[in-house]
């Protein structure tokens, strides 16, 4: 009996070694994770970082600028347990951008794609700009929530993260009123980013929480609308952003630096690719001349 048990144990160990110890597991479960700030002020950008781990077929991940991603965002009130569902429109597999001339479908940029086993892909979604069927972020009251994201097409659901929504302070409300005709309406920050208005928001009126959640957004604004120079590169590199957005900040700094020097810093790109494999697709776009964040910069930055 003892010999049989020993043989069985050895056989199981050998099998496990072949499937696991001898290399990567034969089957990996696909995953979706979400990261965001723990506290956010309503009315200002709330950036989610969505990361898919393969194998996943037909994953719907977007760039920062696609506000019609095929996603469902679930927000459950931690006190009342009431759940709010933000369900986006599904407008096909091509990225749809909102521009001054109307909607533009970029057929060259598909947001459904294959994430292979052992690979990952991260992209950003601005929550208040998500074009929803019914409920939007402005309809959700202040409070503490558990937020999770679902990709209906691939049936992936993330674990929940904590998000506390605050009302804007008096100064922050005045900043919104000074920049928008009707700040009580849902502000599409992505559309605003692509089509900057003359009325600039007074960022100096923002408190610490709102300033933190807007930090990366402001850097993208500067890259899309300001002068591209070495001072901006240093500003991007030295600016403090929420920890989960550091990889994208590094990509933005690289892209702006490349534009200033008119060369490709392949050494830095390789280092970023190794450190943050989930943003390799952004580096690919830059190296192939498509651009990542700067692809939406207008001529002259305006």
Protein backbone atom coordinates (compact mmCIF):
# COMPACT_ATOMS: atom_id res chain seq x y z
CA UNK A 1 0.00 0.00 0.00
CA UNK A 2 2.82 2.33 0.95
CA UNK A 3 4.68 1.57 -2.29
CA UNK A 4 1.55 2.20 -4.35
CA UNK A 5 0.99 5.51 -2.56
CA UNK A 6 4.59 6.51 -3.12
CA UNK A 7 4.37 5.61 -6.81
CA UNK A 8 1.14 7.58 -7.19
CA UNK A 9 2.65 10.57 -5.42
CA UNK A 10 5.73 10.47 -7.65
CA UNK A 11 3.60 10.12 -10.77
CA UNK A 12 1.47 13.12 -9.76
CA UNK A 13 4.59 15.15 -9.02
CA UNK A 14 6.00 14.24 -12.43
CA UNK A 15 2.78 15.26 -14.16
CA UNK A 16 2.63 18.53 -12.27
CA UNK A 17 6.24 19.17 -13.15
CA UNK A 18 5.48 18.68 -16.83
CA UNK A 19 2.45 20.92 -16.81
CA UNK A 20 3.61 23.58 -14.36
CA UNK A 21 7.19 23.29 -13.12
CA UNK A 22 8.57 22.44 -16.52
CA UNK A 23 7.14 25.62 -18.02
CA UNK A 24 4.06 27.76 -18.23
CA UNK A 25 0.72 26.07 -17.40
CA UNK A 26 -0.98 24.62 -20.46
CA UNK A 27 -4.19 26.59 -19.76
CA UNK A 28 -4.31 30.10 -18.33
CA UNK A 29 -7.46 31.81 -17.21
CA UNK A 30 -8.07 35.17 -18.91
CA UNK A 31 -8.41 38.11 -16.53
CA UNK A 32 -9.59 41.69 -16.50
CA UNK A 33 -8.41 44.14 -13.86
CA UNK A 34 -9.40 47.74 -13.19
CA UNK A 35 -7.49 50.49 -11.41
CA UNK A 36 -8.58 54.00 -10.54
CA UNK A 37 -8.23 56.64 -7.84
CA UNK A 38 -9.77 55.69 -4.47
CA UNK A 39 -11.44 59.10 -4.12
CA UNK A 40 -12.79 61.34 -6.90
CA UNK A 41 -14.67 64.61 -7.14
CA UNK A 42 -17.76 64.47 -9.35
CA UNK A 43 -17.67 66.71 -12.39
CA UNK A 44 -13.99 66.10 -13.14
CA UNK A 45 -12.29 63.31 -15.15
CA UNK A 46 -12.28 59.85 -13.55
CA UNK A 47 -9.74 57.72 -15.41
CA UNK A 48 -9.98 53.92 -15.26
CA UNK A 49 -7.06 51.73 -16.29
CA UNK A 50 -8.33 48.44 -17.73
CA UNK A 51 -5.88 45.57 -18.18
CA UNK A 52 -6.65 42.31 -19.97
CA UNK A 53 -4.53 39.20 -19.51
CA UNK A 54 -4.77 36.60 -22.27
CA UNK A 55 -5.82 34.39 -23.78
CA UNK A 56 -8.79 36.54 -24.72
CA UNK A 57 -10.54 36.61 -28.10
CA UNK A 58 -12.27 39.79 -29.21
CA UNK A 59 -11.26 41.93 -26.22
CA UNK A 60 -12.77 45.40 -26.36
CA UNK A 61 -10.06 47.71 -25.09
CA UNK A 62 -9.77 51.29 -26.17
CA UNK A 63 -7.38 54.16 -26.35
CA UNK A 64 -7.86 57.11 -23.98
CA UNK A 65 -9.96 58.79 -26.62
CA UNK A 66 -12.59 56.20 -27.46
CA UNK A 67 -15.55 57.09 -25.27
CA UNK A 68 -17.86 54.47 -26.75
CA UNK A 69 -16.00 51.38 -25.59
CA UNK A 70 -18.05 48.21 -25.39
CA UNK A 71 -18.02 47.97 -21.60
CA UNK A 72 -20.37 47.79 -18.66
CA UNK A 73 -19.36 49.56 -15.46
CA UNK A 74 -21.06 48.38 -12.27
CA UNK A 75 -21.10 50.59 -9.19
CA UNK A 76 -22.58 49.16 -5.99
CA UNK A 77 -23.35 51.50 -3.11
CA UNK A 78 -21.56 50.10 -0.06
CA UNK A 79 -24.22 51.43 2.32
CA UNK A 80 -27.49 50.69 0.53
CA UNK A 81 -26.22 47.89 -1.78
CA UNK A 82 -28.00 49.62 -4.67
CA UNK A 83 -26.21 48.88 -7.93
CA UNK A 84 -25.88 51.35 -10.78
CA UNK A 85 -25.10 50.11 -14.28
CA UNK A 86 -23.29 52.26 -16.82
CA UNK A 87 -23.70 50.38 -20.10
CA UNK A 88 -22.09 51.86 -23.20
CA UNK A 89 -23.36 51.87 -26.73
CA UNK A 90 -21.97 49.20 -29.02
CA UNK A 91 -21.15 50.80 -32.36
CA UNK A 92 -19.15 48.07 -34.02
CA UNK A 93 -15.51 47.12 -33.90
CA UNK A 94 -13.94 50.36 -35.18
CA UNK A 95 -13.01 53.18 -32.83
CA UNK A 96 -15.49 56.04 -33.00
CA UNK A 97 -14.26 59.52 -32.14
CA UNK A 98 -16.34 62.59 -31.42
CA UNK A 99 -14.94 65.59 -33.29
CA UNK A 100 -16.12 69.09 -34.10
CA UNK A 101 -17.32 67.81 -37.47
CA UNK A 102 -19.30 64.99 -35.82
CA UNK A 103 -18.53 61.33 -35.26
CA UNK A 104 -15.53 59.87 -37.01
CA UNK A 105 -15.04 56.12 -37.38
CA UNK A 106 -11.36 55.19 -37.51
CA UNK A 107 -11.50 51.88 -39.37
CA UNK A 108 -7.74 51.42 -39.14
CA UNK A 109 -7.90 51.24 -35.36
CA UNK A 110 -9.87 48.24 -34.22
CA UNK A 111 -10.61 48.00 -30.53
CA UNK A 112 -11.49 44.31 -30.67
CA UNK A 113 -8.40 42.17 -30.83
CA UNK A 114 -6.74 39.03 -29.61
CA UNK A 115 -4.69 39.04 -26.42
CA UNK A 116 -2.55 35.94 -26.60
CA UNK A 117 -1.69 33.65 -23.73
CA UNK A 118 1.05 35.18 -21.61
CA UNK A 119 0.34 38.67 -22.97
CA UNK A 120 -1.48 41.62 -21.46
CA UNK A 121 -2.86 44.91 -22.68
CA UNK A 122 -3.81 48.01 -20.69
CA UNK A 123 -5.83 50.99 -21.87
CA UNK A 124 -7.57 53.96 -20.31
CA UNK A 125 -11.22 54.88 -20.09
CA UNK A 126 -12.55 58.19 -18.81
CA UNK A 127 -15.65 57.23 -16.87
CA UNK A 128 -17.70 60.40 -17.13
CA UNK A 129 -17.20 60.50 -20.93
CA UNK A 130 -18.59 57.01 -21.48
CA UNK A 131 -21.58 57.32 -23.79
CA UNK A 132 -24.19 55.25 -22.02
CA UNK A 133 -27.65 54.01 -22.91
CA UNK A 134 -29.29 55.43 -19.79
CA UNK A 135 -27.47 55.97 -16.49
CA UNK A 136 -24.27 58.01 -16.58
CA UNK A 137 -21.85 59.09 -13.87
CA UNK A 138 -23.76 62.33 -13.24
CA UNK A 139 -26.79 60.26 -12.16
CA UNK A 140 -24.87 58.47 -9.41
CA UNK A 141 -25.02 60.19 -6.00
CA UNK A 142 -21.99 60.91 -3.86
CA UNK A 143 -21.01 58.03 -1.63
CA UNK A 144 -18.77 54.98 -1.37
CA UNK A 145 -18.91 52.36 -4.10
CA UNK A 146 -17.49 49.07 -5.25
CA UNK A 147 -16.68 49.48 -8.93
CA UNK A 148 -16.18 46.62 -11.38
CA UNK A 149 -16.01 46.42 -15.18
CA UNK A 150 -17.48 43.85 -17.55
CA UNK A 151 -16.56 43.16 -21.17
CA UNK A 152 -19.81 41.63 -22.48
CA UNK A 153 -18.31 40.29 -25.70
CA UNK A 154 -15.59 38.25 -23.98
CA UNK A 155 -17.59 37.74 -20.76
CA UNK A 156 -14.80 39.03 -18.57
CA UNK A 157 -15.53 40.74 -15.26
CA UNK A 158 -12.98 42.45 -13.07
CA UNK A 159 -12.74 42.26 -9.32
CA UNK A 160 -14.21 45.29 -7.58
CA UNK A 161 -12.17 48.32 -6.55
CA UNK A 162 -13.21 50.99 -4.07
CA UNK A 163 -14.28 54.42 -5.27
CA UNK A 164 -15.56 57.24 -3.09
CA UNK A 165 -17.38 60.03 -4.92
CA UNK A 166 -17.31 63.54 -3.44
CA UNK A 167 -19.18 66.71 -4.28
CA UNK A 168 -17.10 69.55 -5.71
CA UNK A 169 -16.11 72.31 -3.31
CA UNK A 170 -17.37 75.84 -3.83
CA UNK A 171 -14.16 76.80 -5.65
CA UNK A 172 -14.28 73.67 -7.79
CA UNK A 173 -17.89 74.34 -8.71
CA UNK A 174 -16.96 77.87 -9.74
CA UNK A 175 -14.15 76.46 -11.89
CA UNK A 176 -16.64 74.22 -13.66
CA UNK A 177 -19.12 77.07 -14.10
CA UNK A 178 -16.38 79.24 -15.59
CA UNK A 179 -15.44 76.64 -18.19
CA UNK A 180 -18.77 75.08 -19.16
CA UNK A 181 -22.07 76.62 -20.19
CA UNK A 182 -24.03 74.16 -18.06
CA UNK A 183 -21.74 72.34 -15.60
CA UNK A 184 -24.73 70.44 -14.20
CA UNK A 185 -24.82 68.46 -17.43
CA UNK A 186 -22.51 65.49 -17.96
CA UNK A 187 -19.16 66.83 -19.18
CA UNK A 188 -17.62 64.75 -21.95
CA UNK A 189 -13.98 65.24 -21.04
CA UNK A 190 -12.77 63.17 -23.97
CA UNK A 191 -14.65 65.34 -26.44
CA UNK A 192 -13.30 68.38 -24.64
CA UNK A 193 -9.79 67.01 -24.98
CA UNK A 194 -10.15 66.49 -28.71
CA UNK A 195 -11.92 69.82 -29.27
CA UNK A 196 -10.48 72.34 -26.78
CA UNK A 197 -12.62 75.42 -26.19
CA UNK A 198 -11.47 78.97 -25.65
CA UNK A 199 -12.74 78.96 -22.08
CA UNK A 200 -9.95 77.33 -20.07
CA UNK A 201 -10.74 75.65 -16.78
CA UNK A 202 -9.01 77.32 -13.83
CA UNK A 203 -7.11 74.31 -12.51
CA UNK A 204 -5.81 76.40 -9.59
CA UNK A 205 -9.25 76.28 -7.96
CA UNK A 206 -9.09 72.49 -7.56
CA UNK A 207 -8.42 70.88 -4.20
CA UNK A 208 -5.96 68.05 -3.58
CA UNK A 209 -8.35 65.21 -4.48
CA UNK A 210 -9.55 66.73 -7.76
CA UNK A 211 -6.01 67.84 -8.67
CA UNK A 212 -4.73 64.30 -8.18
CA UNK A 213 -7.45 62.70 -10.31
CA UNK A 214 -6.90 65.29 -13.08
CA UNK A 215 -3.09 65.19 -13.05
CA UNK A 216 -2.58 62.86 -16.02
CA UNK A 217 -5.46 64.37 -17.97
CA UNK A 218 -3.82 67.79 -17.65
CA UNK A 219 -0.55 66.42 -19.04
CA UNK A 220 -2.38 65.07 -22.08
CA UNK A 221 -4.07 68.47 -22.51
CA UNK A 222 -0.65 70.12 -22.51
CA UNK A 223 0.72 67.63 -25.05
CA UNK A 224 -2.23 68.06 -27.40
CA UNK A 225 -2.70 71.82 -27.19
CA UNK A 226 0.63 73.35 -26.14
CA UNK A 227 4.09 73.72 -27.60
CA UNK A 228 6.14 70.54 -27.88
CA UNK A 229 9.53 71.31 -26.37
CA UNK A 230 12.06 69.97 -23.88
CA UNK A 231 10.44 71.91 -21.06
CA UNK A 232 7.20 70.00 -21.61
CA UNK A 233 9.11 66.70 -21.64
CA UNK A 234 10.62 67.55 -18.25
CA UNK A 235 7.26 68.68 -16.92
CA UNK A 236 5.68 65.35 -17.88
CA UNK A 237 8.54 63.34 -16.41
CA UNK A 238 8.54 65.23 -13.11
CA UNK A 239 4.77 65.54 -12.65
CA UNK A 240 3.16 63.46 -9.95
CA UNK A 241 0.30 61.31 -11.20
CA UNK A 242 -1.64 58.50 -9.51
CA UNK A 243 0.60 55.44 -9.28
CA UNK A 244 -1.52 53.34 -11.62
CA UNK A 245 -1.00 55.89 -14.42
CA UNK A 246 2.81 56.05 -14.21
CA UNK A 247 3.31 53.71 -17.23
CA UNK A 248 1.14 55.93 -19.44
CA UNK A 249 2.94 59.04 -18.18
CA UNK A 250 6.24 57.45 -19.23
CA UNK A 251 4.84 56.65 -22.68
CA UNK A 252 3.57 60.22 -23.07
CA UNK A 253 6.99 61.61 -22.09
CA UNK A 254 8.69 59.31 -24.61
CA UNK A 255 6.30 60.27 -27.39
CA UNK A 256 6.69 64.00 -26.77
CA UNK A 257 10.48 63.61 -26.53
CA UNK A 258 10.52 61.78 -29.87
CA UNK A 259 8.46 64.56 -31.44
CA UNK A 260 10.84 67.22 -30.11
CA UNK A 261 14.02 65.43 -31.21
CA UNK A 262 12.48 64.04 -34.42
CA UNK A 263 14.05 60.67 -33.59
CA UNK A 264 12.92 57.39 -32.05
CA UNK A 265 14.42 56.62 -28.65
CA UNK A 266 14.41 52.87 -29.13
CA UNK A 267 16.56 52.23 -26.05
CA UNK A 268 14.04 53.85 -23.74
CA UNK A 269 11.16 52.22 -25.60
CA UNK A 270 12.75 48.80 -25.07
CA UNK A 271 13.19 49.53 -21.36
CA UNK A 272 9.55 50.59 -21.02
CA UNK A 273 8.41 47.55 -22.97
CA UNK A 274 10.26 45.28 -20.55
CA UNK A 275 9.06 47.11 -17.44
CA UNK A 276 5.45 47.60 -18.57
CA UNK A 277 4.60 44.88 -21.12
CA UNK A 278 0.91 45.78 -20.95
CA UNK A 279 1.56 49.07 -22.79
CA UNK A 280 3.70 47.53 -25.55
CA UNK A 281 0.89 48.21 -28.01
CA UNK A 282 1.28 51.95 -27.42
CA UNK A 283 5.02 51.69 -28.07
CA UNK A 284 4.29 49.70 -31.25
CA UNK A 285 1.96 52.46 -32.45
CA UNK A 286 4.62 55.09 -31.80
CA UNK A 287 7.38 53.12 -33.57
CA UNK A 288 5.11 52.43 -36.55
CA UNK A 289 4.34 56.12 -36.96
CA UNK A 290 0.67 55.95 -35.92
CA UNK A 291 1.25 57.74 -32.65
CA UNK A 292 -0.37 56.98 -29.32
CA UNK A 293 -1.53 60.07 -27.42
CA UNK A 294 -0.18 62.56 -29.96
CA UNK A 295 -2.07 60.99 -32.84
CA UNK A 296 -4.94 63.28 -31.85
CA UNK A 297 -2.90 66.46 -31.71
CA UNK A 298 -4.12 69.07 -34.15
CA UNK A 299 -1.81 70.96 -36.48
CA UNK A 300 -0.09 73.63 -34.42
CA UNK A 301 -1.46 72.06 -31.26
CA UNK A 302 -4.80 73.88 -31.53
